[in-house]
PDB file of N, CA and C in Angstrom:
ATOM      1  N   UNK A   1      95.366 101.289 113.153  1.00  0.00           N
ATOM      2  CA  UNK A   1      95.373 100.033 113.289  1.00  0.00           C
ATOM      3  C   UNK A   1      94.335  99.384 111.526  1.00  0.00           C
ATOM      4  N   UNK A   2      94.753  98.217 111.688  1.00  0.00           N
ATOM      5  CA  UNK A   2      94.448  97.615 110.827  1.00  0.00           C
ATOM      6  C   UNK A   2      93.937  95.970 110.821  1.00  0.00           C
ATOM      7  N   UNK A   3      92.739  96.356 110.079  1.00  0.00           N
ATOM      8  CA  UNK A   3      91.809  94.532 110.113  1.00  0.00           C
ATOM      9  C   UNK A   3      91.829  94.394 108.479  1.00  0.00           C
ATOM     10  N   UNK A   4      91.766  92.259 108.509  1.00  0.00           N
ATOM     11  CA  UNK A   4      91.667  92.280 107.444  1.00  0.00           C
ATOM     12  C   UNK A   4      90.731  90.758 107.213  1.00  0.00           C
ATOM     13  N   UNK A   5      90.065  91.251 106.362  1.00  0.00           N
ATOM     14  CA  UNK A   5      88.930  90.500 106.142  1.00  0.00           C
ATOM     15  C   UNK A   5      88.641  90.252 104.549  1.00  0.00           C
ATOM     16  N   UNK A   6      87.948  88.748 104.226  1.00  0.00           N
ATOM     17  CA  UNK A   6      88.042  87.551 103.216  1.00  0.00           C
ATOM     18  C   UNK A   6      86.670  88.317 102.438  1.00  0.00           C
ATOM     19  N   UNK A   7      85.995  89.449 103.143  1.00  0.00           N
ATOM     20  CA  UNK A   7      85.018  90.129 102.352  1.00  0.00           C
ATOM     21  C   UNK A   7      85.070  91.472 102.703  1.00  0.00           C
ATOM     22  N   UNK A   8      84.022  92.193 101.516  1.00  0.00           N
ATOM     23  CA  UNK A   8      84.075  93.674 101.668  1.00  0.00           C
ATOM     24  C   UNK A   8      82.820  93.779 102.651  1.00  0.00           C
ATOM     25  N   UNK A   9      83.501  95.010 103.520  1.00  0.00           N
ATOM     26  CA  UNK A   9      82.782  95.467 104.972  1.00  0.00           C
ATOM     27  C   UNK A   9      82.690  97.066 104.711  1.00  0.00           C
ATOM     28  N   UNK A  10      81.573  97.792 105.262  1.00  0.00           N
ATOM     29  CA  UNK A  10      81.807  98.928 105.769  1.00  0.00           C
ATOM     30  C   UNK A  10      81.951  99.469 106.975  1.00  0.00           C
ATOM     31  N   UNK A  11      81.199  98.579 107.719  1.00  0.00           N
ATOM     32  CA  UNK A  11      81.852  98.251 109.356  1.00  0.00           C
ATOM     33  C   UNK A  11      82.101  97.020 109.892  1.00  0.00           C
ATOM     34  N   UNK A  12      82.604  97.024 111.308  1.00  0.00           N
ATOM     35  CA  UNK A  12      82.711  95.834 111.666  1.00  0.00           C
ATOM     36  C   UNK A  12      81.804  96.208 113.413  1.00  0.00           C
ATOM     37  N   UNK A  13      81.147  94.851 113.611  1.00  0.00           N
ATOM     38  CA  UNK A  13      80.372  94.925 114.953  1.00  0.00           C
ATOM     39  C   UNK A  13      81.359  93.573 115.971  1.00  0.00           C
ATOM     40  N   UNK A  14      81.565  94.009 116.922  1.00  0.00           N
ATOM     41  CA  UNK A  14      82.638  92.822 117.372  1.00  0.00           C
ATOM     42  C   UNK A  14      81.398  91.438 117.788  1.00  0.00           C
ATOM     43  N   UNK A  15      81.999  90.534 117.664  1.00  0.00           N
ATOM     44  CA  UNK A  15      81.944  89.051 117.531  1.00  0.00           C
ATOM     45  C   UNK A  15      82.925  87.919 118.281  1.00  0.00           C
ATOM     46  N   UNK A  16      82.337  86.794 118.802  1.00  0.00           N
ATOM     47  CA  UNK A  16      83.379  85.880 118.864  1.00  0.00           C
ATOM     48  C   UNK A  16      83.938  85.420 117.965  1.00  0.00           C
ATOM     49  N   UNK A  17      85.229  84.744 118.196  1.00  0.00           N
ATOM     50  CA  UNK A  17      86.156  84.208 117.139  1.00  0.00           C
ATOM     51  C   UNK A  17      84.865  82.830 117.067  1.00  0.00           C
ATOM     52  N   UNK A  18      85.114  82.847 115.398  1.00  0.00           N
ATOM     53  CA  UNK A  18      84.182  81.437 114.943  1.00  0.00           C
ATOM     54  C   UNK A  18      85.150  80.053 115.292  1.00  0.00           C
ATOM     55  N   UNK A  19      86.612  80.017 114.959  1.00  0.00           N
ATOM     56  CA  UNK A  19      87.533  79.142 114.834  1.00  0.00           C
ATOM     57  C   UNK A  19      88.523  79.414 116.379  1.00  0.00           C
ATOM     58  N   UNK A  20      88.300  79.291 117.210  1.00  0.00           N
ATOM     59  CA  UNK A  20      89.034  79.824 118.560  1.00  0.00           C
ATOM     60  C   UNK A  20      89.713  78.713 118.905  1.00  0.00           C
ATOM     61  N   UNK A  21      91.287  79.707 118.989  1.00  0.00           N
ATOM     62  CA  UNK A  21      92.012  78.170 118.952  1.00  0.00           C
ATOM     63  C   UNK A  21      91.905  77.875 120.761  1.00  0.00           C
ATOM     64  N   UNK A  22      92.842  76.949 121.252  1.00  0.00           N
ATOM     65  CA  UNK A  22      92.233  76.482 122.462  1.00  0.00           C
ATOM     66  C   UNK A  22      92.569  77.512 123.339  1.00  0.00           C
ATOM     67  N   UNK A  23      93.595  77.989 123.373  1.00  0.00           N
ATOM     68  CA  UNK A  23      94.418  78.918 123.998  1.00  0.00           C
ATOM     69  C   UNK A  23      93.633  80.525 124.167  1.00  0.00           C
ATOM     70  N   UNK A  24      92.483  80.659 123.139  1.00  0.00           N
ATOM     71  CA  UNK A  24      92.218  82.194 122.761  1.00  0.00           C
ATOM     72  C   UNK A  24      90.685  82.029 123.946  1.00  0.00           C
ATOM     73  N   UNK A  25      90.274  83.458 124.145  1.00  0.00           N
ATOM     74  CA  UNK A  25      89.238  83.897 124.495  1.00  0.00           C
ATOM     75  C   UNK A  25      88.326  83.646 123.791  1.00  0.00           C
ATOM     76  N   UNK A  26      87.682  82.380 123.630  1.00  0.00           N
ATOM     77  CA  UNK A  26      86.193  82.440 123.274  1.00  0.00           C
ATOM     78  C   UNK A  26      84.790  82.882 123.461  1.00  0.00           C
ATOM     79  N   UNK A  27      84.915  83.546 124.664  1.00  0.00           N
ATOM     80  CA  UNK A  27      83.933  84.741 125.335  1.00  0.00           C
ATOM     81  C   UNK A  27      83.388  86.274 124.565  1.00  0.00           C
ATOM     82  N   UNK A  28      84.834  86.840 124.213  1.00  0.00           N
ATOM     83  CA  UNK A  28      84.652  87.872 124.796  1.00  0.00           C
ATOM     84  C   UNK A  28      84.447  88.511 123.324  1.00  0.00           C
ATOM     85  N   UNK A  29      83.163  89.262 122.941  1.00  0.00           N
ATOM     86  CA  UNK A  29      83.202  89.545 121.468  1.00  0.00           C
ATOM     87  C   UNK A  29      84.008  90.677 121.407  1.00  0.00           C
ATOM     88  N   UNK A  30      84.711  90.870 120.320  1.00  0.00           N
ATOM     89  CA  UNK A  30      85.437  92.109 119.629  1.00  0.00           C
ATOM     90  C   UNK A  30      85.920  92.069 118.433  1.00  0.00           C
ATOM     91  N   UNK A  31      85.965  92.985 117.845  1.00  0.00           N
ATOM     92  CA  UNK A  31      87.054  93.190 116.660  1.00  0.00           C
ATOM     93  C   UNK A  31      88.497  93.293 116.657  1.00  0.00           C
ATOM     94  N   UNK A  32      89.226  92.368 116.229  1.00  0.00           N
ATOM     95  CA  UNK A  32      90.382  92.435 115.893  1.00  0.00           C
ATOM     96  C   UNK A  32      91.130  92.998 115.366  1.00  0.00           C
ATOM     97  N   UNK A  33      92.374  93.665 115.746  1.00  0.00           N
ATOM     98  CA  UNK A  33      93.303  94.285 114.628  1.00  0.00           C
ATOM     99  C   UNK A  33      94.495  94.279 115.045  1.00  0.00           C
ATOM    100  N   UNK A  34      95.650  94.965 114.090  1.00  0.00           N
ATOM    101  CA  UNK A  34      96.711  95.072 114.059  1.00  0.00           C
ATOM    102  C   UNK A  34      97.447  96.292 113.672  1.00  0.00           C
ATOM    103  N   UNK A  35      98.639  96.405 114.163  1.00  0.00           N
ATOM    104  CA  UNK A  35      99.713  97.784 113.535  1.00  0.00           C
ATOM    105  C   UNK A  35      99.961  97.376 112.133  1.00  0.00           C
ATOM    106  N   UNK A  36     100.376  96.170 111.512  1.00  0.00           N
ATOM    107  CA  UNK A  36     100.452  95.643 110.284  1.00  0.00           C
ATOM    108  C   UNK A  36     100.145  94.812 109.545  1.00  0.00           C
ATOM    109  N   UNK A  37     100.551  94.801 108.612  1.00  0.00           N
ATOM    110  CA  UNK A  37      99.268  93.563 107.259  1.00  0.00           C
ATOM    111  C   UNK A  37      99.994  92.380 108.199  1.00  0.00           C
ATOM    112  N   UNK A  38     101.625  92.066 108.324  1.00  0.00           N
ATOM    113  CA  UNK A  38     102.144  90.611 108.615  1.00  0.00           C
ATOM    114  C   UNK A  38     101.654  90.466 110.153  1.00  0.00           C
ATOM    115  N   UNK A  39     101.261  91.394 111.022  1.00  0.00           N
ATOM    116  CA  UNK A  39     100.847  91.100 112.179  1.00  0.00           C
ATOM    117  C   UNK A  39      99.524  90.521 111.728  1.00  0.00           C
ATOM    118  N   UNK A  40      98.720  91.045 110.791  1.00  0.00           N
ATOM    119  CA  UNK A  40      97.005  90.548 110.763  1.00  0.00           C
ATOM    120  C   UNK A  40      96.890  89.143 110.170  1.00  0.00           C
ATOM    121  N   UNK A  41      98.442  88.902 109.325  1.00  0.00           N
ATOM    122  CA  UNK A  41      98.576  87.729 108.962  1.00  0.00           C
ATOM    123  C   UNK A  41      98.619  86.466 109.399  1.00  0.00           C
ATOM    124  N   UNK A  42      99.491  86.934 110.342  1.00  0.00           N
ATOM    125  CA  UNK A  42      99.928  85.713 111.248  1.00  0.00           C
ATOM    126  C   UNK A  42      99.070  85.601 112.790  1.00  0.00           C
ATOM    127  N   UNK A  43      98.088  86.587 113.038  1.00  0.00           N
ATOM    128  CA  UNK A  43      96.979  86.369 113.718  1.00  0.00           C
ATOM    129  C   UNK A  43      96.130  85.720 113.288  1.00  0.00           C
ATOM    130  N   UNK A  44      95.754  85.498 112.288  1.00  0.00           N
ATOM    131  CA  UNK A  44      94.649  84.867 111.204  1.00  0.00           C
ATOM    132  C   UNK A  44      95.238  83.086 110.702  1.00  0.00           C
ATOM    133  N   UNK A  45      96.862  83.075 110.582  1.00  0.00           N
ATOM    134  CA  UNK A  45      97.228  82.094 110.098  1.00  0.00           C
ATOM    135  C   UNK A  45      96.793  81.981 109.086  1.00  0.00           C
ATOM    136  N   UNK A  46      97.118  82.813 108.086  1.00  0.00           N
ATOM    137  CA  UNK A  46      96.435  83.111 106.816  1.00  0.00           C
ATOM    138  C   UNK A  46      97.629  81.828 105.901  1.00  0.00           C
ATOM    139  N   UNK A  47      96.726  81.359 104.556  1.00  0.00           N
ATOM    140  CA  UNK A  47      97.515  80.514 103.866  1.00  0.00           C
ATOM    141  C   UNK A  47      98.127  81.167 102.637  1.00  0.00           C
ATOM    142  N   UNK A  48      98.896  80.861 102.038  1.00  0.00           N
ATOM    143  CA  UNK A  48      99.919  80.840 100.855  1.00  0.00           C
ATOM    144  C   UNK A  48      98.483  81.196  99.148  1.00  0.00           C
ATOM    145  N   UNK A  49      98.443  82.394  98.975  1.00  0.00           N
ATOM    146  CA  UNK A  49      97.426  82.325  98.407  1.00  0.00           C
ATOM    147  C   UNK A  49      96.027  82.588  98.357  1.00  0.00           C
ATOM    148  N   UNK A  50      95.810  82.975  99.966  1.00  0.00           N
ATOM    149  CA  UNK A  50      94.620  83.608 100.404  1.00  0.00           C
ATOM    150  C   UNK A  50      94.145  84.714  99.939  1.00  0.00           C
ATOM    151  N   UNK A  51      93.105  85.448  99.712  1.00  0.00           N
ATOM    152  CA  UNK A  51      93.112  86.754  99.733  1.00  0.00           C
ATOM    153  C   UNK A  51      92.029  87.697 100.673  1.00  0.00           C
ATOM    154  N   UNK A  52      92.683  88.961 100.996  1.00  0.00           N
ATOM    155  CA  UNK A  52      92.061  89.394 102.275  1.00  0.00           C
ATOM    156  C   UNK A  52      92.155  90.994 101.491  1.00  0.00           C
ATOM    157  N   UNK A  53      90.907  91.887 102.024  1.00  0.00           N
ATOM    158  CA  UNK A  53      90.773  93.058 102.446  1.00  0.00           C
ATOM    159  C   UNK A  53      91.235  93.434 103.458  1.00  0.00           C
ATOM    160  N   UNK A  54      92.479  94.954 103.239  1.00  0.00           N
ATOM    161  CA  UNK A  54      92.722  95.449 104.287  1.00  0.00           C
ATOM    162  C   UNK A  54      92.195  96.532 104.747  1.00  0.00           C
ATOM    163  N   UNK A  55      91.842  96.604 105.793  1.00  0.00           N
ATOM    164  CA  UNK A  55      91.180  98.010 106.367  1.00  0.00           C
ATOM    165  C   UNK A  55      91.744  98.479 107.489  1.00  0.00           C
ATOM    166  N   UNK A  56      91.546 100.126 107.286  1.00  0.00           N
ATOM    167  CA  UNK A  56      92.062 101.164 108.189  1.00  0.00           C
ATOM    168  C   UNK A  56      91.269 101.473 109.259  1.00  0.00           C
ATOM    169  N   UNK A  57      91.526 101.238 110.359  1.00  0.00           N
ATOM    170  CA  UNK A  57      90.357 101.251 111.888  1.00  0.00           C
ATOM    171  C   UNK A  57      90.748 102.894 112.250  1.00  0.00           C
ATOM    172  N   UNK A  58      90.127 104.365 111.935  1.00  0.00           N
ATOM    173  CA  UNK A  58      90.632 105.013 112.613  1.00  0.00           C
ATOM    174  C   UNK A  58      90.779 105.223 114.270  1.00  0.00           C
ATOM    175  N   UNK A  59      89.930 104.856 114.834  1.00  0.00           N
ATOM    176  CA  UNK A  59      89.828 105.030 116.328  1.00  0.00           C
ATOM    177  C   UNK A  59      90.454 104.240 117.087  1.00  0.00           C
ATOM    178  N   UNK A  60      90.844 104.701 118.578  1.00  0.00           N
ATOM    179  CA  UNK A  60      91.428 103.990 119.305  1.00  0.00           C
ATOM    180  C   UNK A  60      90.989 102.699 119.965  1.00  0.00           C
ATOM    181  N   UNK A  61      92.065 101.457 119.960  1.00  0.00           N
ATOM    182  CA  UNK A  61      91.478 100.370 120.374  1.00  0.00           C
ATOM    183  C   UNK A  61      90.916 100.331 121.934  1.00  0.00           C
ATOM    184  N   UNK A  62      89.860  99.777 122.385  1.00  0.00           N
ATOM    185  CA  UNK A  62      89.521  99.466 123.958  1.00  0.00           C
ATOM    186  C   UNK A  62      90.675  98.452 124.471  1.00  0.00           C
ATOM    187  N   UNK A  63      91.145  97.467 124.004  1.00  0.00           N
ATOM    188  CA  UNK A  63      91.973  96.700 124.983  1.00  0.00           C
ATOM    189  C   UNK A  63      93.236  96.362 124.097  1.00  0.00           C
ATOM    190  N   UNK A  64      94.234  96.832 124.808  1.00  0.00           N
ATOM    191  CA  UNK A  64      95.701  97.226 123.922  1.00  0.00           C
ATOM    192  C   UNK A  64      96.567  96.147 124.171  1.00  0.00           C
ATOM    193  N   UNK A  65      96.506  95.123 124.826  1.00  0.00           N
ATOM    194  CA  UNK A  65      97.341  94.107 125.321  1.00  0.00           C
ATOM    195  C   UNK A  65      96.060  92.830 125.517  1.00  0.00           C
ATOM    196  N   UNK A  66      95.454  92.446 124.637  1.00  0.00           N
ATOM    197  CA  UNK A  66      94.223  91.510 124.994  1.00  0.00           C
ATOM    198  C   UNK A  66      94.813  90.010 125.292  1.00  0.00           C
ATOM    199  N   UNK A  67      94.315  89.175 125.944  1.00  0.00           N
ATOM    200  CA  UNK A  67      94.862  88.039 126.405  1.00  0.00           C
ATOM    201  C   UNK A  67      94.731  87.096 125.230  1.00  0.00           C
ATOM    202  N   UNK A  68      95.824  87.044 124.180  1.00  0.00           N
ATOM    203  CA  UNK A  68      95.825  86.258 123.520  1.00  0.00           C
ATOM    204  C   UNK A  68      97.505  85.702 123.322  1.00  0.00           C
ATOM    205  N   UNK A  69      97.751  84.403 122.932  1.00  0.00           N
ATOM    206  CA  UNK A  69      99.044  84.093 123.053  1.00  0.00           C
ATOM    207  C   UNK A  69     100.005  84.292 122.566  1.00  0.00           C
ATOM    208  N   UNK A  70      99.890  85.230 121.239  1.00  0.00           N
ATOM    209  CA  UNK A  70     100.809  85.585 119.979  1.00  0.00           C
ATOM    210  C   UNK A  70     100.655  86.810 119.840  1.00  0.00           C
ATOM    211  N   UNK A  71     100.011  87.600 120.931  1.00  0.00           N
ATOM    212  CA  UNK A  71      99.923  89.207 121.104  1.00  0.00           C
ATOM    213  C   UNK A  71     101.200  89.865 120.299  1.00  0.00           C
ATOM    214  N   UNK A  72     102.209  89.196 121.193  1.00  0.00           N
ATOM    215  CA  UNK A  72     103.804  89.894 121.191  1.00  0.00           C
ATOM    216  C   UNK A  72     104.169  89.812 120.058  1.00  0.00           C
ATOM    217  N   UNK A  73     103.930  88.766 118.928  1.00  0.00           N
ATOM    218  CA  UNK A  73     104.344  88.701 117.998  1.00  0.00           C
ATOM    219  C   UNK A  73     103.258  89.517 116.258  1.00  0.00           C
ATOM    220  N   UNK A  74     101.783  89.683 117.000  1.00  0.00           N
ATOM    221  CA  UNK A  74     100.996  90.034 116.120  1.00  0.00           C
ATOM    222  C   UNK A  74     100.916  91.429 116.117  1.00  0.00           C
ATOM    223  N   UNK A  75     100.945  92.099 117.908  1.00  0.00           N
ATOM    224  CA  UNK A  75     100.495  92.936 117.905  1.00  0.00           C
ATOM    225  C   UNK A  75      99.071  93.342 118.179  1.00  0.00           C
ATOM    226  N   UNK A  76      98.356  92.290 118.698  1.00  0.00           N
ATOM    227  CA  UNK A  76      97.041  92.716 118.299  1.00  0.00           C
ATOM    228  C   UNK A  76      96.215  93.221 119.321  1.00  0.00           C
ATOM    229  N   UNK A  77      95.393  94.035 118.794  1.00  0.00           N
ATOM    230  CA  UNK A  77      94.403  94.942 120.000  1.00  0.00           C
ATOM    231  C   UNK A  77      93.045  94.518 119.739  1.00  0.00           C
ATOM    232  N   UNK A  78      91.938  94.800 120.375  1.00  0.00           N
ATOM    233  CA  UNK A  78      90.704  94.591 120.320  1.00  0.00           C
ATOM    234  C   UNK A  78      90.286  95.974 120.667  1.00  0.00           C
ATOM    235  N   UNK A  79      88.701  95.991 119.913  1.00  0.00           N
ATOM    236  CA  UNK A  79      87.961  96.946 119.984  1.00  0.00           C
ATOM    237  C   UNK A  79      86.889  96.586 120.578  1.00  0.00           C
ATOM    238  N   UNK A  80      85.900  96.778 121.098  1.00  0.00           N
ATOM    239  CA  UNK A  80      84.581  96.382 121.966  1.00  0.00           C
ATOM    240  C   UNK A  80      84.059  96.770 121.978  1.00  0.00           C
ATOM    241  N   UNK A  81      83.616  97.740 120.486  1.00  0.00           N
ATOM    242  CA  UNK A  81      82.527  98.208 119.926  1.00  0.00           C
ATOM    243  C   UNK A  81      82.607  98.320 118.555  1.00  0.00           C
ATOM    244  N   UNK A  82      81.114  98.576 117.680  1.00  0.00           N
ATOM    245  CA  UNK A  82      81.405  98.938 116.497  1.00  0.00           C
ATOM    246  C   UNK A  82      82.176 100.213 116.284  1.00  0.00           C
ATOM    247  N   UNK A  83      82.555 100.013 114.481  1.00  0.00           N
ATOM    248  CA  UNK A  83      83.986 100.550 114.205  1.00  0.00           C
ATOM    249  C   UNK A  83      84.022 100.784 112.857  1.00  0.00           C
ATOM    250  N   UNK A  84      83.761 101.990 111.893  1.00  0.00           N
ATOM    251  CA  UNK A  84      84.193 102.394 111.082  1.00  0.00           C
ATOM    252  C   UNK A  84      85.284 101.850 110.709  1.00  0.00           C
ATOM    253  N   UNK A  85      85.287 101.473 109.157  1.00  0.00           N
ATOM    254  CA  UNK A  85      86.477 100.899 108.334  1.00  0.00           C
ATOM    255  C   UNK A  85      86.600 101.312 106.737  1.00  0.00           C
ATOM    256  N   UNK A  86      88.093 101.639 106.382  1.00  0.00           N
ATOM    257  CA  UNK A  86      88.157 102.277 105.461  1.00  0.00           C
ATOM    258  C   UNK A  86      89.248 101.458 104.284  1.00  0.00           C
ATOM    259  N   UNK A  87      88.564 101.062 103.040  1.00  0.00           N
ATOM    260  CA  UNK A  87      89.211 100.162 102.412  1.00  0.00           C
ATOM    261  C   UNK A  87      90.502 100.505 102.106  1.00  0.00           C
ATOM    262  N   UNK A  88      91.793 100.362 102.549  1.00  0.00           N
ATOM    263  CA  UNK A  88      93.075 100.086 102.114  1.00  0.00           C
ATOM    264  C   UNK A  88      93.116  99.719 100.523  1.00  0.00           C
ATOM    265  N   UNK A  89      93.210  98.402 100.654  1.00  0.00           N
ATOM    266  CA  UNK A  89      93.770  97.547  99.318  1.00  0.00           C
ATOM    267  C   UNK A  89      93.153  96.470  99.458  1.00  0.00           C
ATOM    268  N   UNK A  90      93.354  95.373  98.531  1.00  0.00           N
ATOM    269  CA  UNK A  90      93.328  93.955  98.439  1.00  0.00           C
ATOM    270  C   UNK A  90      94.846  93.186  98.232  1.00  0.00           C
ATOM    271  N   UNK A  91      94.828  92.134  99.087  1.00  0.00           N
ATOM    272  CA  UNK A  91      96.259  91.655  99.055  1.00  0.00           C
ATOM    273  C   UNK A  91      95.920  90.159  98.919  1.00  0.00           C
ATOM    274  N   UNK A  92      97.230  89.648  98.376  1.00  0.00           N
ATOM    275  CA  UNK A  92      97.200  87.840  98.490  1.00  0.00           C
ATOM    276  C   UNK A  92      98.296  87.906  99.363  1.00  0.00           C
ATOM    277  N   UNK A  93      98.100  86.512 100.492  1.00  0.00           N
ATOM    278  CA  UNK A  93      99.291  86.095 101.024  1.00  0.00           C
ATOM    279  C   UNK A  93     100.677  85.363 100.142  1.00  0.00           C
ATOM    280  N   UNK A  94     101.509  86.242 100.546  1.00  0.00           N
ATOM    281  CA  UNK A  94     102.647  85.654  99.667  1.00  0.00           C
ATOM    282  C   UNK A  94     103.507  84.341 100.022  1.00  0.00           C
ATOM    283  N   UNK A  95     102.991  83.659 101.224  1.00  0.00           N
ATOM    284  CA  UNK A  95     103.706  82.576 102.005  1.00  0.00           C
ATOM    285  C   UNK A  95     102.944  82.176 103.169  1.00  0.00           C
ATOM    286  N   UNK A  96     102.598  80.965 103.683  1.00  0.00           N
ATOM    287  CA  UNK A  96     102.019  80.859 104.914  1.00  0.00           C
ATOM    288  C   UNK A  96     102.242  81.552 106.312  1.00  0.00           C
ATOM    289  N   UNK A  97     101.393  82.112 106.710  1.00  0.00           N
ATOM    290  CA  UNK A  97     101.485  83.356 107.832  1.00  0.00           C
ATOM    291  C   UNK A  97     101.440  82.221 109.416  1.00  0.00           C
ATOM    292  N   UNK A  98     102.327  82.360 110.136  1.00  0.00           N
ATOM    293  CA  UNK A  98     102.181  81.841 111.547  1.00  0.00           C
ATOM    294  C   UNK A  98     102.507  82.427 112.702  1.00  0.00           C
ATOM    295  N   UNK A  99     102.523  82.622 113.601  1.00  0.00           N
ATOM    296  CA  UNK A  99     103.745  82.988 114.450  1.00  0.00           C
ATOM    297  C   UNK A  99     104.562  82.129 114.830  1.00  0.00           C
ATOM    298  N   UNK A 100     105.041  81.326 113.999  1.00  0.00           N
ATOM    299  CA  UNK A 100     105.688  80.493 114.346  1.00  0.00           C
ATOM    300  C   UNK A 100     106.317  79.573 115.581  1.00  0.00           C
ATOM    301  N   UNK A 101     105.166  79.752 116.099  1.00  0.00           N
ATOM    302  CA  UNK A 101     104.994  79.055 117.585  1.00  0.00           C
ATOM    303  C   UNK A 101     104.444  77.522 117.024  1.00  0.00           C
ATOM    304  N   UNK A 102     105.187  76.302 117.661  1.00  0.00           N
ATOM    305  CA  UNK A 102     104.944  75.638 117.298  1.00  0.00           C
ATOM    306  C   UNK A 102     104.291  74.397 118.741  1.00  0.00           C
ATOM    307  N   UNK A 103     103.191  73.505 118.317  1.00  0.00           N
ATOM    308  CA  UNK A 103     103.086  73.050 119.694  1.00  0.00           C
ATOM    309  C   UNK A 103     103.834  72.211 119.935  1.00  0.00           C
ATOM    310  N   UNK A 104     103.775  72.117 121.583  1.00  0.00           N
ATOM    311  CA  UNK A 104     104.756  71.610 122.274  1.00  0.00           C
ATOM    312  C   UNK A 104     104.595  70.011 121.787  1.00  0.00           C
ATOM    313  N   UNK A 105     103.015  69.286 121.521  1.00  0.00           N
ATOM    314  CA  UNK A 105     102.969  68.252 121.568  1.00  0.00           C
ATOM    315  C   UNK A 105     103.743  67.598 121.045  1.00  0.00           C
ATOM    316  N   UNK A 106     104.931  68.163 120.299  1.00  0.00           N
ATOM    317  CA  UNK A 106     105.750  67.231 119.091  1.00  0.00           C
ATOM    318  C   UNK A 106     104.748  67.213 117.948  1.00  0.00           C
ATOM    319  N   UNK A 107     103.820  67.462 117.630  1.00  0.00           N
ATOM    320  CA  UNK A 107     103.069  67.219 116.201  1.00  0.00           C
ATOM    321  C   UNK A 107     103.811  68.177 115.294  1.00  0.00           C
ATOM    322  N   UNK A 108     104.623  68.895 115.485  1.00  0.00           N
ATOM    323  CA  UNK A 108     104.659  69.882 114.208  1.00  0.00           C
ATOM    324  C   UNK A 108     104.304  70.756 113.549  1.00  0.00           C
ATOM    325  N   UNK A 109     103.196  70.926 114.191  1.00  0.00           N
ATOM    326  CA  UNK A 109     102.145  71.932 113.724  1.00  0.00           C
ATOM    327  C   UNK A 109     102.399  73.016 114.278  1.00  0.00           C
ATOM    328  N   UNK A 110     101.492  74.402 114.297  1.00  0.00           N
ATOM    329  CA  UNK A 110     101.303  75.391 114.990  1.00  0.00           C
ATOM    330  C   UNK A 110     100.494  74.926 116.127  1.00  0.00           C
ATOM    331  N   UNK A 111     100.524  75.908 117.043  1.00  0.00           N
ATOM    332  CA  UNK A 111     100.063  75.904 118.607  1.00  0.00           C
ATOM    333  C   UNK A 111      98.701  76.215 117.851  1.00  0.00           C
ATOM    334  N   UNK A 112      98.075  76.884 117.260  1.00  0.00           N
ATOM    335  CA  UNK A 112      96.968  77.446 117.075  1.00  0.00           C
ATOM    336  C   UNK A 112      96.163  76.753 116.160  1.00  0.00           C
ATOM    337  N   UNK A 113      96.625  74.864 115.870  1.00  0.00           N
ATOM    338  CA  UNK A 113      96.179  74.369 114.720  1.00  0.00           C
ATOM    339  C   UNK A 113      96.376  73.084 115.175  1.00  0.00           C
ATOM    340  N   UNK A 114      96.764  72.667 116.678  1.00  0.00           N
ATOM    341  CA  UNK A 114      96.972  71.014 117.247  1.00  0.00           C
ATOM    342  C   UNK A 114      95.529  71.275 118.136  1.00  0.00           C
ATOM    343  N   UNK A 115      94.959  70.305 118.178  1.00  0.00           N
ATOM    344  CA  UNK A 115      94.124  69.541 118.904  1.00  0.00           C
ATOM    345  C   UNK A 115      94.361  68.963 119.943  1.00  0.00           C
ATOM    346  N   UNK A 116      95.404  68.678 120.384  1.00  0.00           N
ATOM    347  CA  UNK A 116      95.779  67.434 121.407  1.00  0.00           C
ATOM    348  C   UNK A 116      95.748  68.565 123.300  1.00  0.00           C
ATOM    349  N   UNK A 117      94.577  68.942 123.513  1.00  0.00           N
ATOM    350  CA  UNK A 117      94.411  69.961 124.094  1.00  0.00           C
ATOM    351  C   UNK A 117      95.457  69.759 125.377  1.00  0.00           C
ATOM    352  N   UNK A 118      95.441  68.362 125.697  1.00  0.00           N
ATOM    353  CA  UNK A 118      96.793  67.796 126.700  1.00  0.00           C
ATOM    354  C   UNK A 118      98.167  68.310 126.922  1.00  0.00           C
ATOM    355  N   UNK A 119      98.441  68.403 126.021  1.00  0.00           N
ATOM    356  CA  UNK A 119      99.769  69.418 125.919  1.00  0.00           C
ATOM    357  C   UNK A 119     100.038  70.913 124.893  1.00  0.00           C
ATOM    358  N   UNK A 120      99.259  70.901 123.963  1.00  0.00           N
ATOM    359  CA  UNK A 120      99.143  72.248 123.649  1.00  0.00           C
ATOM    360  C   UNK A 120      99.818  73.367 123.947  1.00  0.00           C
ATOM    361  N   UNK A 121     100.286  74.815 123.654  1.00  0.00           N
ATOM    362  CA  UNK A 121     100.414  75.785 124.674  1.00  0.00           C
ATOM    363  C   UNK A 121     101.589  76.305 124.744  1.00  0.00           C
TER     364      UNK A 121
END
């Protein structure tokens, strides 16, 4: 599994998301990962030109199908414990990444960025 970080790290400890979307579990501390770089970038809703360190996680994940709305598109898994990582490379996002699921409120923005809780999802 792969994990992207904007800073260099040696190991990861579970934490809750800094900016959870309206439909994301904001209570469970975890390390999120995905099987592909694209899946990681989509889960992060990475912007074109953003820089990322790509890390490999060798151990098996604790949660294979976490309760995230874009899991089918990203392949996101969770580790509920501290994990060791190995730096693979540094990348720059070549485009804006999203799960391409637009908010149902009609705003034209991805569902993860819309704040209209009466419609989003």
